[in-house]
Amino acid sequence: MENSHIQRRDDTITINELPDDLLLKILSSFSIKDVVARVCYQNGGDLFGRRLDAVTHLKPYVALNRSLRELRIDMVYRCLDLNEILYINNISSRLETLVLEKLSLVDVPSDVSLKGLKTLHVLSVKFSSDESVKTLLSICPRLEDLVVRQSSYNTNVEIFTINVPTLTSLSIYTSSQPKGGRGVHGFVINTPSLKNFSIRDSFSSYLRFENMPNLVRANVNIVSGQPDSLSSHLEIFEWRRYYGTGQERKVAKHILANASRLKKATFYSESGEKHGMMVKDLECAARGSKACQLVIC
């Protein structure tokens, strides 16, 4: 037990490097209503997988989960069946914050609604396909804050589609190029309520913004001159429902100026009265790629 430890700070409980049996015993003793649970497994402790039978019969733990507001699961790149977690522990109705880190999602249920979830962090999560990303976001009808961090571990997703009407804050971080390095990788973003947008992308070859008319603050980090930066990979950029607001213009000009391998940039204007002004503004913008074809519809 010398290496095992539990830290309690305010309403946060951190459990790390504990045997499954001891972890189950600890969880069964909780009686806190608004609790934050963090479960970390580093040495084969797949509590929610092979030890699921124990969780099923742990009544105090089930009762605890029914009032759970924040849940963080770090599986150290092991498999997680989200379907079993949500059904057996009955936490879908009141959960407000969910952090998934360093794990592989085995199944994303489409018939469950995380109707109370407002914050979702997807950190180095391996999905089974592009569709599994869409399914996860579709069961979060009130999602407001989304953080996505991708690494070379996320090899199965080519286009990460974020289609969330209620989203107000979005942060995207990519740390390294996917294994193999070839093919199309990128994001499709359709977030009509988005106000705060931050992206630090080092490997996407495709970006499409569909609807961000309410954007207030944007931080687009594309550092030119670095071989692993987005500026050296982005080839196709699309912006649908481009309104030409101050923040939208800032983002558009930054991408045009720094994407040195950009082949085609397409903007679909949504403002008929300002269309001519938008065309002139974009055509006069500096371009990092001399071969870039600018299309404004």
C-alpha atoms as a PDB file:
ATOM      1  CA  MET A   1       0.000   0.000   0.000  1.00  0.00           C
ATOM      2  CA  GLU A   2       3.009   2.312   0.034  1.00  0.00           C
ATOM      3  CA  ASN A   3       2.461   3.332  -3.571  1.00  0.00           C
ATOM      4  CA  SER A   4      -1.314   3.614  -3.267  1.00  0.00           C
ATOM      5  CA  HIS A   5      -2.833   6.888  -2.278  1.00  0.00           C
ATOM      6  CA  ILE A   6      -6.096   8.745  -2.051  1.00  0.00           C
ATOM      7  CA  GLN A   7      -6.352  12.514  -2.150  1.00  0.00           C
ATOM      8  CA  ARG A   8      -9.429  14.337  -0.922  1.00  0.00           C
ATOM      9  CA  ARG A   9      -9.760  18.031  -1.682  1.00  0.00           C
ATOM     10  CA  ASP A  10     -13.049  19.873  -1.300  1.00  0.00           C
ATOM     11  CA  ASP A  11     -15.566  17.834  -3.363  1.00  0.00           C
ATOM     12  CA  THR A  12     -12.951  16.071  -5.484  1.00  0.00           C
ATOM     13  CA  ILE A  13     -11.908  12.467  -4.909  1.00  0.00           C
ATOM     14  CA  THR A  14      -8.846  11.124  -6.695  1.00  0.00           C
ATOM     15  CA  ILE A  15      -8.181   7.387  -6.646  1.00  0.00           C
ATOM     16  CA  ASN A  16      -4.988   6.117  -8.169  1.00  0.00           C
ATOM     17  CA  GLU A  17      -3.058   2.854  -8.285  1.00  0.00           C
ATOM     18  CA  LEU A  18      -5.499   0.909  -6.102  1.00  0.00           C
ATOM     19  CA  PRO A  19      -6.358  -2.789  -6.396  1.00  0.00           C
ATOM     20  CA  ASP A  20      -9.865  -3.473  -7.719  1.00  0.00           C
ATOM     21  CA  ASP A  21     -11.121  -5.022  -4.472  1.00  0.00           C
ATOM     22  CA  LEU A  22      -9.973  -2.078  -2.400  1.00  0.00           C
ATOM     23  CA  LEU A  23     -11.390   0.388  -4.907  1.00  0.00           C
ATOM     24  CA  LEU A  24     -14.785  -1.305  -4.791  1.00  0.00           C
ATOM     25  CA  LYS A  25     -14.745  -1.234  -0.994  1.00  0.00           C
ATOM     26  CA  ILE A  26     -13.911   2.474  -0.956  1.00  0.00           C
ATOM     27  CA  LEU A  27     -16.608   3.352  -3.484  1.00  0.00           C
ATOM     28  CA  SER A  28     -19.218   1.421  -1.519  1.00  0.00           C
ATOM     29  CA  SER A  29     -18.615   3.594   1.535  1.00  0.00           C
ATOM     30  CA  PHE A  30     -19.348   6.927  -0.157  1.00  0.00           C
ATOM     31  CA  SER A  31     -22.467   8.827   0.824  1.00  0.00           C
ATOM     32  CA  ILE A  32     -21.661  12.206  -0.745  1.00  0.00           C
ATOM     33  CA  LYS A  33     -24.387  13.548  -3.036  1.00  0.00           C
ATOM     34  CA  ASP A  34     -22.383  15.765  -5.345  1.00  0.00           C
ATOM     35  CA  VAL A  35     -19.182  13.879  -5.857  1.00  0.00           C
ATOM     36  CA  VAL A  36     -16.495  13.967  -8.487  1.00  0.00           C
ATOM     37  CA  ALA A  37     -15.101  10.507  -9.186  1.00  0.00           C
ATOM     38  CA  ARG A  38     -11.842   9.897 -10.934  1.00  0.00           C
ATOM     39  CA  VAL A  39     -10.897   6.337 -11.699  1.00  0.00           C
ATOM     40  CA  CYS A  40      -7.385   5.650 -12.936  1.00  0.00           C
ATOM     41  CA  TYR A  41      -6.137   2.238 -13.922  1.00  0.00           C
ATOM     42  CA  GLN A  42      -2.487   1.718 -14.620  1.00  0.00           C
ATOM     43  CA  ASN A  43      -1.794  -1.943 -13.941  1.00  0.00           C
ATOM     44  CA  GLY A  44      -4.637  -4.026 -15.353  1.00  0.00           C
ATOM     45  CA  GLY A  45      -7.447  -2.792 -13.114  1.00  0.00           C
ATOM     46  CA  ASP A  46     -10.316  -2.885 -15.615  1.00  0.00           C
ATOM     47  CA  LEU A  47     -13.068  -2.351 -13.060  1.00  0.00           C
ATOM     48  CA  PHE A  48     -15.714  -1.465 -15.609  1.00  0.00           C
ATOM     49  CA  GLY A  49     -14.796  -4.374 -17.875  1.00  0.00           C
ATOM     50  CA  ARG A  50     -13.852  -7.703 -16.366  1.00  0.00           C
ATOM     51  CA  ARG A  51     -15.014  -6.651 -12.873  1.00  0.00           C
ATOM     52  CA  LEU A  52     -18.373  -5.341 -14.047  1.00  0.00           C
ATOM     53  CA  ASP A  53     -20.187  -8.130 -12.176  1.00  0.00           C
ATOM     54  CA  ALA A  54     -18.895  -6.702  -8.911  1.00  0.00           C
ATOM     55  CA  VAL A  55     -20.120  -3.220  -9.777  1.00  0.00           C
ATOM     56  CA  THR A  56     -23.556  -4.573 -10.679  1.00  0.00           C
ATOM     57  CA  HIS A  57     -24.087  -5.894  -7.168  1.00  0.00           C
ATOM     58  CA  LEU A  58     -22.575  -2.937  -5.371  1.00  0.00           C
ATOM     59  CA  LYS A  59     -25.778  -1.149  -4.358  1.00  0.00           C
ATOM     60  CA  PRO A  60     -24.211   1.813  -2.503  1.00  0.00           C
ATOM     61  CA  TYR A  61     -22.090   2.531  -5.575  1.00  0.00           C
ATOM     62  CA  VAL A  62     -25.155   2.476  -7.840  1.00  0.00           C
ATOM     63  CA  ALA A  63     -26.974   4.848  -5.514  1.00  0.00           C
ATOM     64  CA  LEU A  64     -23.968   7.143  -5.549  1.00  0.00           C
ATOM     65  CA  ASN A  65     -23.856   7.198  -9.333  1.00  0.00           C
ATOM     66  CA  ARG A  66     -27.488   8.228  -9.623  1.00  0.00           C
ATOM     67  CA  SER A  67     -26.570  11.616  -8.176  1.00  0.00           C
ATOM     68  CA  LEU A  68     -23.166  11.843  -9.813  1.00  0.00           C
ATOM     69  CA  ARG A  69     -22.555  15.259 -11.379  1.00  0.00           C
ATOM     70  CA  GLU A  70     -18.984  14.903 -12.647  1.00  0.00           C
ATOM     71  CA  LEU A  71     -17.179  11.784 -13.795  1.00  0.00           C
ATOM     72  CA  ARG A  72     -13.622  11.407 -15.030  1.00  0.00           C
ATOM     73  CA  ILE A  73     -12.416   8.106 -16.464  1.00  0.00           C
ATOM     74  CA  ASP A  74      -8.753   7.556 -17.310  1.00  0.00           C
ATOM     75  CA  MET A  75      -8.172   4.005 -18.525  1.00  0.00           C
ATOM     76  CA  VAL A  76      -4.545   4.324 -19.659  1.00  0.00           C
ATOM     77  CA  TYR A  77      -5.474   3.169 -23.184  1.00  0.00           C
ATOM     78  CA  ARG A  78      -7.691   0.292 -22.129  1.00  0.00           C
ATOM     79  CA  CYS A  79     -11.183  -0.427 -23.470  1.00  0.00           C
ATOM     80  CA  LEU A  80     -14.311   1.162 -22.023  1.00  0.00           C
ATOM     81  CA  ASP A  81     -17.862   0.099 -22.823  1.00  0.00           C
ATOM     82  CA  LEU A  82     -19.744   3.345 -22.266  1.00  0.00           C
ATOM     83  CA  ASN A  83     -23.006   1.529 -22.850  1.00  0.00           C
ATOM     84  CA  GLU A  84     -22.530  -0.596 -19.726  1.00  0.00           C
ATOM     85  CA  ILE A  85     -21.441   2.363 -17.621  1.00  0.00           C
ATOM     86  CA  LEU A  86     -24.516   4.419 -18.458  1.00  0.00           C
ATOM     87  CA  TYR A  87     -27.062   1.617 -18.221  1.00  0.00           C
ATOM     88  CA  ILE A  88     -25.875  -0.312 -15.191  1.00  0.00           C
ATOM     89  CA  ASN A  89     -24.901   2.681 -13.106  1.00  0.00           C
ATOM     90  CA  ASN A  90     -27.868   4.810 -14.214  1.00  0.00           C
ATOM     91  CA  ILE A  91     -25.944   8.093 -14.315  1.00  0.00           C
ATOM     92  CA  SER A  92     -27.126   9.473 -17.644  1.00  0.00           C
ATOM     93  CA  SER A  93     -29.865  11.759 -16.312  1.00  0.00           C
ATOM     94  CA  ARG A  94     -27.917  13.918 -13.832  1.00  0.00           C
ATOM     95  CA  LEU A  95     -24.361  13.836 -15.111  1.00  0.00           C
ATOM     96  CA  GLU A  96     -23.183  17.357 -15.973  1.00  0.00           C
ATOM     97  CA  THR A  97     -19.471  16.869 -16.694  1.00  0.00           C
ATOM     98  CA  LEU A  98     -17.816  13.878 -18.339  1.00  0.00           C
ATOM     99  CA  VAL A  99     -14.071  13.567 -18.931  1.00  0.00           C
ATOM    100  CA  LEU A 100     -12.855  10.620 -21.003  1.00  0.00           C
ATOM    101  CA  GLU A 101      -9.085  10.289 -21.187  1.00  0.00           C
ATOM    102  CA  LYS A 102      -6.644   7.768 -22.662  1.00  0.00           C
ATOM    103  CA  LEU A 103      -9.149   5.055 -23.447  1.00  0.00           C
ATOM    104  CA  SER A 104     -10.685   3.138 -26.313  1.00  0.00           C
ATOM    105  CA  LEU A 105     -14.458   3.354 -26.651  1.00  0.00           C
ATOM    106  CA  VAL A 106     -15.883  -0.073 -27.387  1.00  0.00           C
ATOM    107  CA  ASP A 107     -19.504   0.955 -27.793  1.00  0.00           C
ATOM    108  CA  VAL A 108     -21.269   4.315 -27.938  1.00  0.00           C
ATOM    109  CA  PRO A 109     -24.998   3.808 -27.279  1.00  0.00           C
ATOM    110  CA  SER A 110     -27.369   5.702 -29.567  1.00  0.00           C
ATOM    111  CA  ASP A 111     -30.485   5.072 -27.480  1.00  0.00           C
ATOM    112  CA  VAL A 112     -29.232   6.833 -24.336  1.00  0.00           C
ATOM    113  CA  SER A 113     -29.500  10.559 -23.711  1.00  0.00           C
ATOM    114  CA  LEU A 114     -27.012  12.428 -21.543  1.00  0.00           C
ATOM    115  CA  LYS A 115     -29.625  15.135 -21.240  1.00  0.00           C
ATOM    116  CA  GLY A 116     -27.960  16.932 -18.345  1.00  0.00           C
ATOM    117  CA  LEU A 117     -24.423  16.901 -19.739  1.00  0.00           C
ATOM    118  CA  LYS A 118     -23.012  20.380 -20.339  1.00  0.00           C
ATOM    119  CA  THR A 119     -19.263  19.725 -20.399  1.00  0.00           C
ATOM    120  CA  LEU A 120     -17.462  16.966 -22.281  1.00  0.00           C
ATOM    121  CA  HIS A 121     -13.704  16.440 -22.534  1.00  0.00           C
ATOM    122  CA  VAL A 122     -12.490  13.861 -25.049  1.00  0.00           C
ATOM    123  CA  LEU A 123      -8.770  13.519 -24.397  1.00  0.00           C
ATOM    124  CA  SER A 124      -6.755  11.006 -26.420  1.00  0.00           C
ATOM    125  CA  VAL A 125      -9.789   8.785 -26.923  1.00  0.00           C
ATOM    126  CA  LYS A 126      -9.754   6.111 -29.607  1.00  0.00           C
ATOM    127  CA  PHE A 127     -13.098   5.814 -31.391  1.00  0.00           C
ATOM    128  CA  SER A 128     -14.085   2.869 -33.555  1.00  0.00           C
ATOM    129  CA  SER A 129     -14.994   5.077 -36.529  1.00  0.00           C
ATOM    130  CA  ASP A 130     -16.045   8.555 -37.660  1.00  0.00           C
ATOM    131  CA  GLU A 131     -19.658   7.584 -36.931  1.00  0.00           C
ATOM    132  CA  SER A 132     -18.929   6.778 -33.293  1.00  0.00           C
ATOM    133  CA  VAL A 133     -17.843  10.400 -32.783  1.00  0.00           C
ATOM    134  CA  LYS A 134     -21.136  11.626 -34.240  1.00  0.00           C
ATOM    135  CA  THR A 135     -23.080   9.207 -32.046  1.00  0.00           C
ATOM    136  CA  LEU A 136     -21.374  10.326 -28.847  1.00  0.00           C
ATOM    137  CA  LEU A 137     -22.101  13.989 -29.533  1.00  0.00           C
ATOM    138  CA  SER A 138     -25.668  13.276 -30.654  1.00  0.00           C
ATOM    139  CA  ILE A 139     -26.618  11.849 -27.243  1.00  0.00           C
ATOM    140  CA  CYS A 140     -25.613  15.133 -25.569  1.00  0.00           C
ATOM    141  CA  PRO A 141     -28.544  17.445 -26.496  1.00  0.00           C
ATOM    142  CA  ARG A 142     -27.531  20.250 -24.098  1.00  0.00           C
ATOM    143  CA  LEU A 143     -23.771  20.203 -24.492  1.00  0.00           C
ATOM    144  CA  GLU A 144     -22.191  23.647 -24.055  1.00  0.00           C
ATOM    145  CA  ASP A 145     -18.455  23.054 -23.588  1.00  0.00           C
ATOM    146  CA  LEU A 146     -16.393  20.589 -25.615  1.00  0.00           C
ATOM    147  CA  VAL A 147     -12.655  19.948 -25.398  1.00  0.00           C
ATOM    148  CA  VAL A 148     -11.037  17.601 -27.915  1.00  0.00           C
ATOM    149  CA  ARG A 149      -7.435  16.462 -27.714  1.00  0.00           C
ATOM    150  CA  GLN A 150      -6.146  14.122 -30.394  1.00  0.00           C
ATOM    151  CA  SER A 151      -2.863  12.275 -30.678  1.00  0.00           C
ATOM    152  CA  SER A 152      -1.332   9.523 -32.802  1.00  0.00           C
ATOM    153  CA  TYR A 153      -3.415   7.088 -30.741  1.00  0.00           C
ATOM    154  CA  ASN A 154      -6.620   8.272 -32.471  1.00  0.00           C
ATOM    155  CA  THR A 155      -5.983   6.379 -35.689  1.00  0.00           C
ATOM    156  CA  ASN A 156      -9.533   5.313 -36.583  1.00  0.00           C
ATOM    157  CA  VAL A 157     -11.110   8.749 -37.030  1.00  0.00           C
ATOM    158  CA  GLU A 158     -10.415  10.561 -40.267  1.00  0.00           C
ATOM    159  CA  ILE A 159     -12.992  13.354 -40.086  1.00  0.00           C
ATOM    160  CA  PHE A 160     -13.992  14.421 -36.579  1.00  0.00           C
ATOM    161  CA  THR A 161     -17.487  15.903 -37.043  1.00  0.00           C
ATOM    162  CA  ILE A 162     -18.730  18.321 -34.394  1.00  0.00           C
ATOM    163  CA  ASN A 163     -22.394  19.037 -35.095  1.00  0.00           C
ATOM    164  CA  VAL A 164     -23.742  20.469 -31.837  1.00  0.00           C
ATOM    165  CA  PRO A 165     -26.368  23.268 -32.002  1.00  0.00           C
ATOM    166  CA  THR A 166     -26.068  24.151 -28.288  1.00  0.00           C
ATOM    167  CA  LEU A 167     -22.271  24.349 -28.086  1.00  0.00           C
ATOM    168  CA  THR A 168     -20.910  27.715 -26.895  1.00  0.00           C
ATOM    169  CA  SER A 169     -17.256  26.832 -26.243  1.00  0.00           C
ATOM    170  CA  LEU A 170     -14.992  24.588 -28.322  1.00  0.00           C
ATOM    171  CA  SER A 171     -11.303  23.801 -27.845  1.00  0.00           C
ATOM    172  CA  ILE A 172      -9.368  21.517 -30.182  1.00  0.00           C
ATOM    173  CA  TYR A 173      -5.785  20.376 -29.688  1.00  0.00           C
ATOM    174  CA  THR A 174      -3.861  17.943 -31.870  1.00  0.00           C
ATOM    175  CA  SER A 175      -0.446  16.917 -30.621  1.00  0.00           C
ATOM    176  CA  SER A 176       1.012  14.767 -33.384  1.00  0.00           C
ATOM    177  CA  GLN A 177       0.368  13.384 -36.824  1.00  0.00           C
ATOM    178  CA  PRO A 178      -1.665  10.146 -36.975  1.00  0.00           C
ATOM    179  CA  LYS A 179       0.296   6.959 -37.524  1.00  0.00           C
ATOM    180  CA  GLY A 180       0.735   6.366 -41.209  1.00  0.00           C
ATOM    181  CA  GLY A 181       0.622  10.090 -41.903  1.00  0.00           C
ATOM    182  CA  ARG A 182      -1.403   9.746 -45.096  1.00  0.00           C
ATOM    183  CA  GLY A 183      -5.006  10.223 -46.086  1.00  0.00           C
ATOM    184  CA  VAL A 184      -7.482  12.902 -45.122  1.00  0.00           C
ATOM    185  CA  HIS A 185      -7.629  13.939 -41.484  1.00  0.00           C
ATOM    186  CA  GLY A 186      -9.490  16.899 -40.102  1.00  0.00           C
ATOM    187  CA  PHE A 187     -12.613  18.454 -38.619  1.00  0.00           C
ATOM    188  CA  VAL A 188     -16.103  19.471 -39.688  1.00  0.00           C
ATOM    189  CA  ILE A 189     -17.536  22.042 -37.288  1.00  0.00           C
ATOM    190  CA  ASN A 190     -21.213  23.052 -37.288  1.00  0.00           C
ATOM    191  CA  THR A 191     -21.882  25.046 -34.124  1.00  0.00           C
ATOM    192  CA  PRO A 192     -24.404  27.893 -34.605  1.00  0.00           C
ATOM    193  CA  SER A 193     -24.307  28.948 -30.923  1.00  0.00           C
ATOM    194  CA  LEU A 194     -20.512  28.957 -30.612  1.00  0.00           C
ATOM    195  CA  LYS A 195     -19.014  32.013 -28.896  1.00  0.00           C
ATOM    196  CA  ASN A 196     -15.511  30.880 -27.918  1.00  0.00           C
ATOM    197  CA  PHE A 197     -13.350  28.869 -30.298  1.00  0.00           C
ATOM    198  CA  SER A 198      -9.765  27.709 -29.854  1.00  0.00           C
ATOM    199  CA  ILE A 199      -7.847  25.386 -32.146  1.00  0.00           C
ATOM    200  CA  ARG A 200      -4.224  24.294 -32.085  1.00  0.00           C
ATOM    201  CA  ASP A 201      -3.921  21.819 -34.906  1.00  0.00           C
ATOM    202  CA  SER A 202      -0.687  20.265 -36.076  1.00  0.00           C
ATOM    203  CA  PHE A 203      -1.741  17.741 -38.713  1.00  0.00           C
ATOM    204  CA  SER A 204      -5.222  18.257 -40.239  1.00  0.00           C
ATOM    205  CA  SER A 205      -5.364  18.297 -44.022  1.00  0.00           C
ATOM    206  CA  TYR A 206      -9.057  19.213 -44.115  1.00  0.00           C
ATOM    207  CA  LEU A 207     -11.074  21.796 -42.167  1.00  0.00           C
ATOM    208  CA  ARG A 208     -14.692  22.798 -42.714  1.00  0.00           C
ATOM    209  CA  PHE A 209     -16.552  25.423 -40.715  1.00  0.00           C
ATOM    210  CA  GLU A 210     -20.283  25.290 -41.412  1.00  0.00           C
ATOM    211  CA  ASN A 211     -21.997  27.744 -39.097  1.00  0.00           C
ATOM    212  CA  MET A 212     -20.471  30.036 -36.462  1.00  0.00           C
ATOM    213  CA  PRO A 213     -22.419  33.333 -36.696  1.00  0.00           C
ATOM    214  CA  ASN A 214     -22.203  34.125 -32.965  1.00  0.00           C
ATOM    215  CA  LEU A 215     -18.441  33.795 -32.605  1.00  0.00           C
ATOM    216  CA  VAL A 216     -17.080  36.311 -30.083  1.00  0.00           C
ATOM    217  CA  ARG A 217     -13.561  35.064 -29.354  1.00  0.00           C
ATOM    218  CA  ALA A 218     -11.323  32.922 -31.542  1.00  0.00           C
ATOM    219  CA  ASN A 219      -7.790  31.641 -31.053  1.00  0.00           C
ATOM    220  CA  VAL A 220      -6.460  29.863 -34.129  1.00  0.00           C
ATOM    221  CA  ASN A 221      -2.896  28.682 -33.659  1.00  0.00           C
ATOM    222  CA  ILE A 222      -1.234  27.908 -36.969  1.00  0.00           C
ATOM    223  CA  VAL A 223       2.482  28.533 -36.667  1.00  0.00           C
ATOM    224  CA  SER A 224       4.139  28.696 -40.057  1.00  0.00           C
ATOM    225  CA  GLY A 225       7.642  27.349 -40.616  1.00  0.00           C
ATOM    226  CA  GLN A 226       7.257  24.295 -38.402  1.00  0.00           C
ATOM    227  CA  PRO A 227       7.162  20.993 -40.308  1.00  0.00           C
ATOM    228  CA  ASP A 228       4.587  19.401 -37.999  1.00  0.00           C
ATOM    229  CA  SER A 229       2.226  22.361 -37.838  1.00  0.00           C
ATOM    230  CA  LEU A 230      -1.162  22.672 -39.501  1.00  0.00           C
ATOM    231  CA  SER A 231       0.315  25.202 -41.921  1.00  0.00           C
ATOM    232  CA  SER A 232       2.342  22.383 -43.485  1.00  0.00           C
ATOM    233  CA  HIS A 233      -0.578  19.949 -43.833  1.00  0.00           C
ATOM    234  CA  LEU A 234      -3.812  21.828 -44.546  1.00  0.00           C
ATOM    235  CA  GLU A 235      -4.826  21.423 -48.193  1.00  0.00           C
ATOM    236  CA  ILE A 236      -8.605  21.965 -48.252  1.00  0.00           C
ATOM    237  CA  PHE A 237     -10.473  24.574 -46.236  1.00  0.00           C
ATOM    238  CA  GLU A 238     -14.224  25.256 -46.405  1.00  0.00           C
ATOM    239  CA  TRP A 239     -16.332  27.763 -44.529  1.00  0.00           C
ATOM    240  CA  ARG A 240     -20.070  27.441 -44.985  1.00  0.00           C
ATOM    241  CA  ARG A 241     -22.414  30.207 -43.822  1.00  0.00           C
ATOM    242  CA  TYR A 242     -19.626  32.744 -43.704  1.00  0.00           C
ATOM    243  CA  TYR A 243     -21.020  36.041 -42.385  1.00  0.00           C
ATOM    244  CA  GLY A 244     -17.847  38.096 -42.466  1.00  0.00           C
ATOM    245  CA  THR A 245     -17.968  39.187 -38.829  1.00  0.00           C
ATOM    246  CA  GLY A 246     -14.855  40.586 -37.209  1.00  0.00           C
ATOM    247  CA  GLN A 247     -13.870  37.306 -35.586  1.00  0.00           C
ATOM    248  CA  GLU A 248     -14.678  35.279 -38.700  1.00  0.00           C
ATOM    249  CA  ARG A 249     -12.515  37.549 -40.845  1.00  0.00           C
ATOM    250  CA  LYS A 250      -9.674  37.245 -38.340  1.00  0.00           C
ATOM    251  CA  VAL A 251      -9.777  33.450 -38.444  1.00  0.00           C
ATOM    252  CA  ALA A 252     -10.116  33.313 -42.240  1.00  0.00           C
ATOM    253  CA  LYS A 253      -7.192  35.660 -42.873  1.00  0.00           C
ATOM    254  CA  HIS A 254      -4.982  33.825 -40.397  1.00  0.00           C
ATOM    255  CA  ILE A 255      -5.585  30.500 -42.131  1.00  0.00           C
ATOM    256  CA  LEU A 256      -5.090  31.945 -45.622  1.00  0.00           C
ATOM    257  CA  ALA A 257      -1.859  33.652 -44.584  1.00  0.00           C
ATOM    258  CA  ASN A 258      -0.278  30.691 -42.803  1.00  0.00           C
ATOM    259  CA  ALA A 259      -1.423  27.547 -44.629  1.00  0.00           C
ATOM    260  CA  SER A 260       1.544  27.135 -46.965  1.00  0.00           C
ATOM    261  CA  ARG A 261       0.197  23.999 -48.691  1.00  0.00           C
ATOM    262  CA  LEU A 262      -3.401  25.127 -49.078  1.00  0.00           C
ATOM    263  CA  LYS A 263      -4.798  24.092 -52.462  1.00  0.00           C
ATOM    264  CA  LYS A 264      -8.367  25.344 -52.195  1.00  0.00           C
ATOM    265  CA  ALA A 265     -10.239  27.681 -49.840  1.00  0.00           C
ATOM    266  CA  THR A 266     -14.006  27.976 -50.320  1.00  0.00           C
ATOM    267  CA  PHE A 267     -16.258  30.485 -48.572  1.00  0.00           C
ATOM    268  CA  TYR A 268     -20.059  30.337 -48.803  1.00  0.00           C
ATOM    269  CA  SER A 269     -21.393  33.810 -48.049  1.00  0.00           C
ATOM    270  CA  GLU A 270     -24.606  34.242 -46.055  1.00  0.00           C
ATOM    271  CA  SER A 271     -24.816  38.020 -46.341  1.00  0.00           C
ATOM    272  CA  GLY A 272     -26.135  39.165 -49.713  1.00  0.00           C
ATOM    273  CA  GLU A 273     -25.737  42.873 -48.964  1.00  0.00           C
ATOM    274  CA  LYS A 274     -22.095  42.528 -47.939  1.00  0.00           C
ATOM    275  CA  HIS A 275     -21.139  39.892 -50.496  1.00  0.00           C
ATOM    276  CA  GLY A 276     -19.114  42.261 -52.662  1.00  0.00           C
ATOM    277  CA  MET A 277     -17.252  43.604 -49.640  1.00  0.00           C
ATOM    278  CA  MET A 278     -16.500  40.068 -48.443  1.00  0.00           C
ATOM    279  CA  VAL A 279     -15.124  39.089 -51.840  1.00  0.00           C
ATOM    280  CA  LYS A 280     -12.826  42.094 -51.928  1.00  0.00           C
ATOM    281  CA  ASP A 281     -11.709  41.553 -48.334  1.00  0.00           C
ATOM    282  CA  LEU A 282     -10.800  37.896 -48.886  1.00  0.00           C
ATOM    283  CA  GLU A 283      -9.186  38.459 -52.267  1.00  0.00           C
ATOM    284  CA  CYS A 284      -6.914  41.099 -50.751  1.00  0.00           C
ATOM    285  CA  ALA A 285      -5.917  38.884 -47.837  1.00  0.00           C
ATOM    286  CA  ALA A 286      -2.333  37.631 -47.752  1.00  0.00           C
ATOM    287  CA  ARG A 287      -1.873  34.008 -48.779  1.00  0.00           C
ATOM    288  CA  GLY A 288       0.791  31.620 -47.624  1.00  0.00           C
ATOM    289  CA  SER A 289       0.226  29.376 -50.642  1.00  0.00           C
ATOM    290  CA  LYS A 290       0.644  30.778 -54.133  1.00  0.00           C
ATOM    291  CA  ALA A 291      -1.189  27.752 -55.525  1.00  0.00           C
ATOM    292  CA  CYS A 292      -4.300  28.342 -53.396  1.00  0.00           C
ATOM    293  CA  GLN A 293      -7.556  28.605 -55.338  1.00  0.00           C
ATOM    294  CA  LEU A 294      -9.938  31.018 -53.608  1.00  0.00           C
ATOM    295  CA  VAL A 295     -13.634  30.361 -54.237  1.00  0.00           C
ATOM    296  CA  ILE A 296     -16.334  32.656 -52.825  1.00  0.00           C
ATOM    297  CA  CYS A 297     -19.953  31.618 -53.369  1.00  0.00           C
END
